[in-house]
Amino acid sequence: MTVLITGATGLIGQEIVKKCHEKGINVHYLTTSKSKLSTEPNYKGFYWNPESNEIDHKCFEGVTAIINMVGASISKRWTDTYKKVILESRTITAQLLQNTINKYNYSIDQVVSASAIGIYPTSLVNYYEETNTEISETFLGKVVHEWEAAVNDFESLGCKVAKIRIGLVLAKDGGALPQIVKPIKYGAGAAIGSGKQWQSWIHVEDLASLFVFAVQNKFEGIYNGVAPNPVTNKELTKAAAKVLHRPLILPNIPKFAMKLVLGEMHILLFESQRVSSQKVEAEGFNYTYVNLRPALEDLLD
């Protein structure tokens, strides 16, 4: 089996490549950097430049499934210009893939695409399942809504489409965790705002395994890519401090302070989404990291 991965050189993409190779799955990947092109037997790179509508269509040869991970980081200041980059890096890329498949008449059975739990409205009490139809009115909510709509267009090409709504990804060398633990390491850790906001997290290895599982088991529809036990921001901060053997002595960091530092992007720290993993578990997926403490011990020790 050969899959095409977009975003394969990113934080989650690299883990997905590893999981694919463990399962004997060959990987084709698209990259905007010609220096990252590789031609190993089970790992072959192809160049694309979505901004100029350029793509090496041979990336689809022998491919039966696409794992779509492409998208500019949301952890960068949201200027009007960068907001456009965040959206178009998710929608224009999907359109380019679809147009190329259609033009050269490739047959792709399945597309498993990244999405995000940012589509769910912030709430301290709701427990979100995939059947929820409310869409957050934030910038992120709008981005995810348009992203999923762009991905759904693969269905017109006869592809089964699955969207995995990703929560807070915990990884050793990237994503949010190093930023969360940096002040804790220096004894300056504190919960954010009330600390009551829910954070639906997932260990990066479990998330990578879930994408490969979704391809192997022909997932279709929406799935939440989160671990079974979400925690509050306060619980996350406390658990990280315990694993690092550091005290938490400072008061919670107020919202206005984070807004001054981060601008509109500060909502990433204050949005509250408690999200269910039951649909994924019902499909037979087994998590390695069900609870936060073992996940943090693995990543921080």
Protein backbone atom coordinates (compact mmCIF):
# COMPACT_ATOMS: atom_id res chain seq x y z
CA MET A 1 0.00 0.00 0.00
CA THR A 2 1.19 3.52 -0.81
CA VAL A 3 -0.18 6.70 0.80
CA LEU A 4 0.46 10.30 -0.18
CA ILE A 5 1.08 12.56 2.82
CA THR A 6 0.89 16.35 2.69
CA GLY A 7 2.65 18.06 5.58
CA ALA A 8 4.85 14.97 6.04
CA THR A 9 7.84 16.96 7.27
CA GLY A 10 5.84 18.70 10.02
CA LEU A 11 5.55 17.71 13.69
CA ILE A 12 2.66 15.25 13.29
CA GLY A 13 3.53 14.32 9.72
CA GLN A 14 6.95 12.96 10.71
CA GLU A 15 5.32 10.70 13.31
CA ILE A 16 2.76 9.49 10.75
CA VAL A 17 5.59 8.58 8.36
CA LYS A 18 7.22 6.49 11.13
CA LYS A 19 3.92 4.70 11.87
CA CYS A 20 3.35 4.02 8.16
CA HIS A 21 6.80 2.46 7.82
CA GLU A 22 6.21 0.33 10.94
CA LYS A 23 3.07 -1.03 9.22
CA GLY A 24 4.87 -1.64 5.91
CA ILE A 25 3.08 1.23 4.14
CA ASN A 26 5.04 3.12 1.46
CA VAL A 27 4.97 6.90 1.65
CA HIS A 28 4.87 9.51 -1.09
CA TYR A 29 5.01 13.05 0.25
CA LEU A 30 4.67 16.58 -1.08
CA THR A 31 7.06 19.34 -0.04
CA THR A 32 7.55 22.99 -0.99
CA SER A 33 11.29 22.62 -0.31
CA LYS A 34 13.37 20.96 -3.04
CA SER A 35 16.10 20.30 -0.45
CA LYS A 36 13.68 17.97 1.39
CA LEU A 37 13.10 15.68 -1.61
CA SER A 38 14.09 12.08 -0.95
CA THR A 39 13.93 8.96 -3.13
CA GLU A 40 14.27 6.10 -0.68
CA PRO A 41 12.38 2.91 -1.67
CA ASN A 42 9.55 3.49 0.85
CA TYR A 43 9.78 7.29 1.17
CA LYS A 44 9.59 9.35 -2.01
CA GLY A 45 9.26 13.11 -2.18
CA PHE A 46 7.56 15.26 -4.81
CA TYR A 47 7.69 19.02 -5.23
CA TRP A 48 4.68 21.32 -5.11
CA ASN A 49 4.06 25.04 -4.76
CA PRO A 50 0.36 25.64 -4.08
CA GLU A 51 0.79 29.42 -4.29
CA SER A 52 1.75 29.11 -7.97
CA ASN A 53 -0.58 26.14 -8.60
CA GLU A 54 2.41 23.88 -9.26
CA ILE A 55 2.50 20.17 -8.40
CA ASP A 56 4.33 17.07 -9.62
CA HIS A 57 1.31 14.92 -10.53
CA LYS A 58 3.44 11.73 -10.38
CA CYS A 59 3.02 11.94 -6.59
CA PHE A 60 -0.33 10.15 -7.12
CA GLU A 61 1.11 7.17 -9.02
CA GLY A 62 0.29 3.92 -7.18
CA VAL A 63 -1.38 5.86 -4.33
CA THR A 64 -4.68 4.59 -2.89
CA ALA A 65 -5.06 6.99 0.07
CA ILE A 66 -4.12 10.56 0.99
CA ILE A 67 -3.30 11.73 4.53
CA ASN A 68 -3.77 15.48 4.39
CA MET A 69 -1.82 17.33 7.12
CA VAL A 70 -0.90 20.55 5.31
CA GLY A 71 -1.61 23.90 6.96
CA ALA A 72 0.30 26.93 8.23
CA SER A 73 0.88 27.05 12.00
CA ILE A 74 -1.78 28.85 14.04
CA SER A 75 0.82 29.59 16.74
CA LYS A 76 2.06 32.74 15.05
CA ARG A 77 0.68 36.26 15.52
CA TRP A 78 -2.63 36.65 13.66
CA THR A 79 -2.13 39.67 11.47
CA ASP A 80 -4.69 40.12 8.68
CA THR A 81 -2.08 38.91 6.20
CA TYR A 82 -1.22 35.82 8.24
CA LYS A 83 -4.89 34.98 8.80
CA LYS A 84 -5.19 34.68 5.02
CA VAL A 85 -2.15 32.35 4.98
CA ILE A 86 -3.70 30.15 7.71
CA LEU A 87 -6.93 29.75 5.74
CA GLU A 88 -5.54 29.40 2.21
CA SER A 89 -2.83 26.93 3.26
CA ARG A 90 -5.73 24.59 4.07
CA THR A 91 -8.25 25.36 1.31
CA ILE A 92 -6.17 26.16 -1.79
CA THR A 93 -4.02 23.07 -1.21
CA ALA A 94 -7.10 20.82 -1.11
CA GLN A 95 -8.34 22.40 -4.34
CA LEU A 96 -4.98 21.84 -6.07
CA LEU A 97 -4.94 18.15 -5.09
CA GLN A 98 -8.52 17.70 -6.33
CA ASN A 99 -7.88 19.49 -9.63
CA THR A 100 -4.77 17.39 -10.29
CA ILE A 101 -6.49 14.08 -9.50
CA ASN A 102 -9.32 15.08 -11.83
CA LYS A 103 -7.06 16.34 -14.64
CA TYR A 104 -4.89 13.20 -14.78
CA ASN A 105 -7.73 10.81 -13.92
CA TYR A 106 -6.08 9.20 -10.88
CA SER A 107 -8.15 6.86 -8.73
CA ILE A 108 -7.86 7.58 -5.00
CA ASP A 109 -9.97 5.50 -2.63
CA GLN A 110 -9.70 7.55 0.53
CA VAL A 111 -8.71 10.88 2.03
CA VAL A 112 -8.04 11.26 5.76
CA SER A 113 -7.59 14.92 6.59
CA ALA A 114 -6.56 16.86 9.64
CA SER A 115 -9.15 19.20 11.11
CA ALA A 116 -9.39 20.82 14.56
CA ILE A 117 -11.59 20.90 17.65
CA GLY A 118 -11.48 24.70 17.33
CA ILE A 119 -14.71 24.32 15.34
CA TYR A 120 -16.59 23.67 18.62
CA PRO A 121 -17.80 26.76 20.52
CA THR A 122 -16.02 27.47 23.79
CA SER A 123 -17.87 26.02 26.79
CA LEU A 124 -17.08 24.97 30.34
CA VAL A 125 -20.04 22.55 30.46
CA ASN A 126 -20.61 21.04 27.00
CA TYR A 127 -19.20 17.62 26.10
CA TYR A 128 -18.68 17.68 22.35
CA GLU A 129 -19.30 14.66 20.17
CA GLU A 130 -18.92 14.56 16.40
CA THR A 131 -22.68 15.00 15.92
CA ASN A 132 -22.51 18.58 17.24
CA THR A 133 -23.45 21.08 14.52
CA GLU A 134 -22.72 24.36 16.30
CA ILE A 135 -19.73 26.24 14.89
CA SER A 136 -17.57 28.58 16.93
CA GLU A 137 -17.84 32.21 15.84
CA THR A 138 -14.11 32.74 16.39
CA PHE A 139 -11.60 33.06 13.56
CA LEU A 140 -10.55 29.45 14.21
CA GLY A 141 -14.12 28.21 14.01
CA LYS A 142 -14.51 29.83 10.60
CA VAL A 143 -11.18 28.44 9.38
CA VAL A 144 -12.05 24.86 10.38
CA HIS A 145 -15.53 25.14 8.83
CA GLU A 146 -14.08 26.26 5.47
CA TRP A 147 -11.22 23.72 5.73
CA GLU A 148 -13.65 20.83 6.20
CA ALA A 149 -15.84 22.09 3.35
CA ALA A 150 -12.78 22.14 1.04
CA VAL A 151 -11.85 18.59 2.09
CA ASN A 152 -15.43 17.36 1.55
CA ASP A 153 -15.03 18.20 -2.16
CA PHE A 154 -12.85 15.08 -2.53
CA GLU A 155 -16.13 13.14 -2.36
CA SER A 156 -17.00 14.39 -5.86
CA LEU A 157 -13.96 12.40 -7.09
CA GLY A 158 -15.34 9.17 -5.59
CA CYS A 159 -13.10 9.28 -2.47
CA LYS A 160 -14.20 8.27 1.00
CA VAL A 161 -13.46 11.28 3.21
CA ALA A 162 -12.61 11.28 6.93
CA LYS A 163 -11.79 14.38 8.99
CA ILE A 164 -9.96 14.04 12.29
CA ARG A 165 -10.55 17.02 14.57
CA ILE A 166 -7.29 17.36 16.46
CA GLY A 167 -7.02 18.65 20.02
CA LEU A 168 -3.98 19.93 21.93
CA VAL A 169 -1.08 17.84 20.60
CA LEU A 170 1.54 16.98 23.21
CA ALA A 171 5.00 16.37 21.75
CA LYS A 172 8.54 16.60 23.07
CA ASP A 173 10.14 18.95 20.57
CA GLY A 174 7.32 20.97 19.09
CA GLY A 175 3.75 22.15 19.40
CA ALA A 176 2.37 23.68 22.59
CA LEU A 177 4.04 21.55 25.30
CA PRO A 178 7.55 23.11 25.25
CA GLN A 179 5.91 26.56 25.53
CA ILE A 180 3.66 25.40 28.39
CA VAL A 181 6.53 23.94 30.42
CA LYS A 182 9.14 26.65 29.79
CA PRO A 183 7.94 29.00 32.59
CA ILE A 184 7.29 26.01 34.89
CA LYS A 185 10.93 24.91 34.53
CA TYR A 186 12.03 28.33 35.79
CA GLY A 187 9.61 28.30 38.72
CA ALA A 188 7.32 30.83 37.02
CA GLY A 189 4.51 28.48 36.00
CA ALA A 190 0.87 29.41 36.51
CA ALA A 191 -2.56 28.50 35.20
CA ILE A 192 -4.06 30.75 32.53
CA GLY A 193 -7.15 32.85 33.29
CA SER A 194 -9.58 30.95 35.54
CA GLY A 195 -7.73 27.70 34.82
CA LYS A 196 -11.14 26.05 34.43
CA GLN A 197 -11.06 25.92 30.63
CA TRP A 198 -11.02 22.38 29.25
CA GLN A 199 -8.08 21.17 27.21
CA SER A 200 -8.68 18.07 25.15
CA TRP A 201 -5.17 16.76 24.58
CA ILE A 202 -3.56 13.86 22.72
CA HIS A 203 -0.01 12.41 22.70
CA VAL A 204 1.57 12.88 19.27
CA GLU A 205 2.27 9.14 18.92
CA ASP A 206 -1.37 8.26 19.54
CA LEU A 207 -2.47 10.88 17.02
CA ALA A 208 -0.10 9.52 14.36
CA SER A 209 -1.33 5.98 15.06
CA LEU A 210 -4.93 7.19 14.74
CA PHE A 211 -4.34 8.60 11.23
CA VAL A 212 -2.80 5.32 10.06
CA PHE A 213 -5.61 3.35 11.76
CA ALA A 214 -8.14 5.57 9.96
CA VAL A 215 -6.60 4.71 6.59
CA GLN A 216 -6.38 0.98 7.34
CA ASN A 217 -9.96 0.84 8.61
CA LYS A 218 -11.51 3.06 5.91
CA PHE A 219 -12.85 5.76 8.25
CA GLU A 220 -15.52 8.01 6.78
CA GLY A 221 -17.02 11.14 8.36
CA ILE A 222 -15.87 13.17 11.36
CA TYR A 223 -13.76 11.83 14.24
CA ASN A 224 -12.33 13.59 17.27
CA GLY A 225 -8.55 13.18 17.59
CA VAL A 226 -8.30 13.54 21.37
CA ALA A 227 -7.37 11.28 24.30
CA PRO A 228 -10.20 9.84 26.45
CA ASN A 229 -9.56 12.06 29.50
CA PRO A 230 -9.53 15.82 28.91
CA VAL A 231 -8.25 18.05 31.72
CA THR A 232 -8.60 21.66 32.76
CA ASN A 233 -5.81 24.15 32.18
CA LYS A 234 -5.16 24.17 35.93
CA GLU A 235 -4.87 20.36 36.02
CA LEU A 236 -2.51 20.39 33.02
CA THR A 237 -0.28 23.02 34.64
CA LYS A 238 -0.23 21.14 37.97
CA ALA A 239 0.56 17.81 36.33
CA ALA A 240 3.44 19.29 34.31
CA ALA A 241 4.87 20.92 37.44
CA LYS A 242 4.71 17.61 39.34
CA VAL A 243 6.48 15.70 36.57
CA LEU A 244 9.17 18.40 36.43
CA HIS A 245 9.38 18.59 40.27
CA ARG A 246 8.79 22.35 40.23
CA PRO A 247 6.59 24.44 42.54
CA LEU A 248 3.58 26.48 41.40
CA ILE A 249 3.55 29.61 43.51
CA LEU A 250 2.40 32.38 41.19
CA PRO A 251 -1.24 33.54 40.81
CA ASN A 252 -3.13 32.71 37.61
CA ILE A 253 -2.12 34.78 34.58
CA PRO A 254 -4.96 37.22 33.73
CA LYS A 255 -6.58 37.30 30.31
CA PHE A 256 -5.73 40.95 29.59
CA ALA A 257 -2.01 40.22 30.06
CA MET A 258 -2.06 37.43 27.48
CA LYS A 259 -4.07 39.60 25.09
CA LEU A 260 -1.41 42.31 25.31
CA VAL A 261 1.33 39.79 24.52
CA LEU A 262 -0.39 37.66 21.88
CA GLY A 263 -3.13 39.81 20.39
CA GLU A 264 -6.15 37.94 18.98
CA MET A 265 -4.21 34.67 19.12
CA HIS A 266 -4.61 34.70 22.94
CA ILE A 267 -7.95 32.90 22.50
CA LEU A 268 -5.95 29.69 21.92
CA LEU A 269 -5.23 29.71 25.65
CA PHE A 270 -8.74 30.57 26.83
CA GLU A 271 -11.00 28.53 24.55
CA SER A 272 -12.58 25.60 26.41
CA GLN A 273 -13.57 22.46 24.51
CA ARG A 274 -14.25 19.21 26.36
CA VAL A 275 -14.31 16.69 23.55
CA SER A 276 -15.33 13.02 23.40
CA SER A 277 -13.13 10.22 22.05
CA GLN A 278 -15.88 7.58 22.24
CA LYS A 279 -16.46 7.31 18.48
CA VAL A 280 -12.78 6.56 17.84
CA GLU A 281 -12.72 4.01 20.69
CA ALA A 282 -15.88 2.35 19.32
CA GLU A 283 -13.98 1.79 16.03
CA GLY A 284 -11.47 -0.31 18.00
CA PHE A 285 -8.63 2.18 18.30
CA ASN A 286 -6.49 1.63 21.41
CA TYR A 287 -4.70 4.59 22.98
CA THR A 288 -1.24 4.16 24.48
CA TYR A 289 -1.72 7.31 26.57
CA VAL A 290 -5.21 7.43 28.08
CA ASN A 291 -4.30 9.70 31.03
CA LEU A 292 -2.29 12.91 31.10
CA ARG A 293 0.33 12.03 33.74
CA PRO A 294 1.89 9.05 31.86
CA ALA A 295 1.87 11.11 28.64
CA LEU A 296 3.75 13.95 30.33
CA GLU A 297 6.19 11.52 31.99
CA ASP A 298 6.98 10.05 28.59
CA LEU A 299 7.56 13.45 27.02
CA LEU A 300 9.20 15.39 29.86
CA ASP A 301 11.30 12.88 31.80
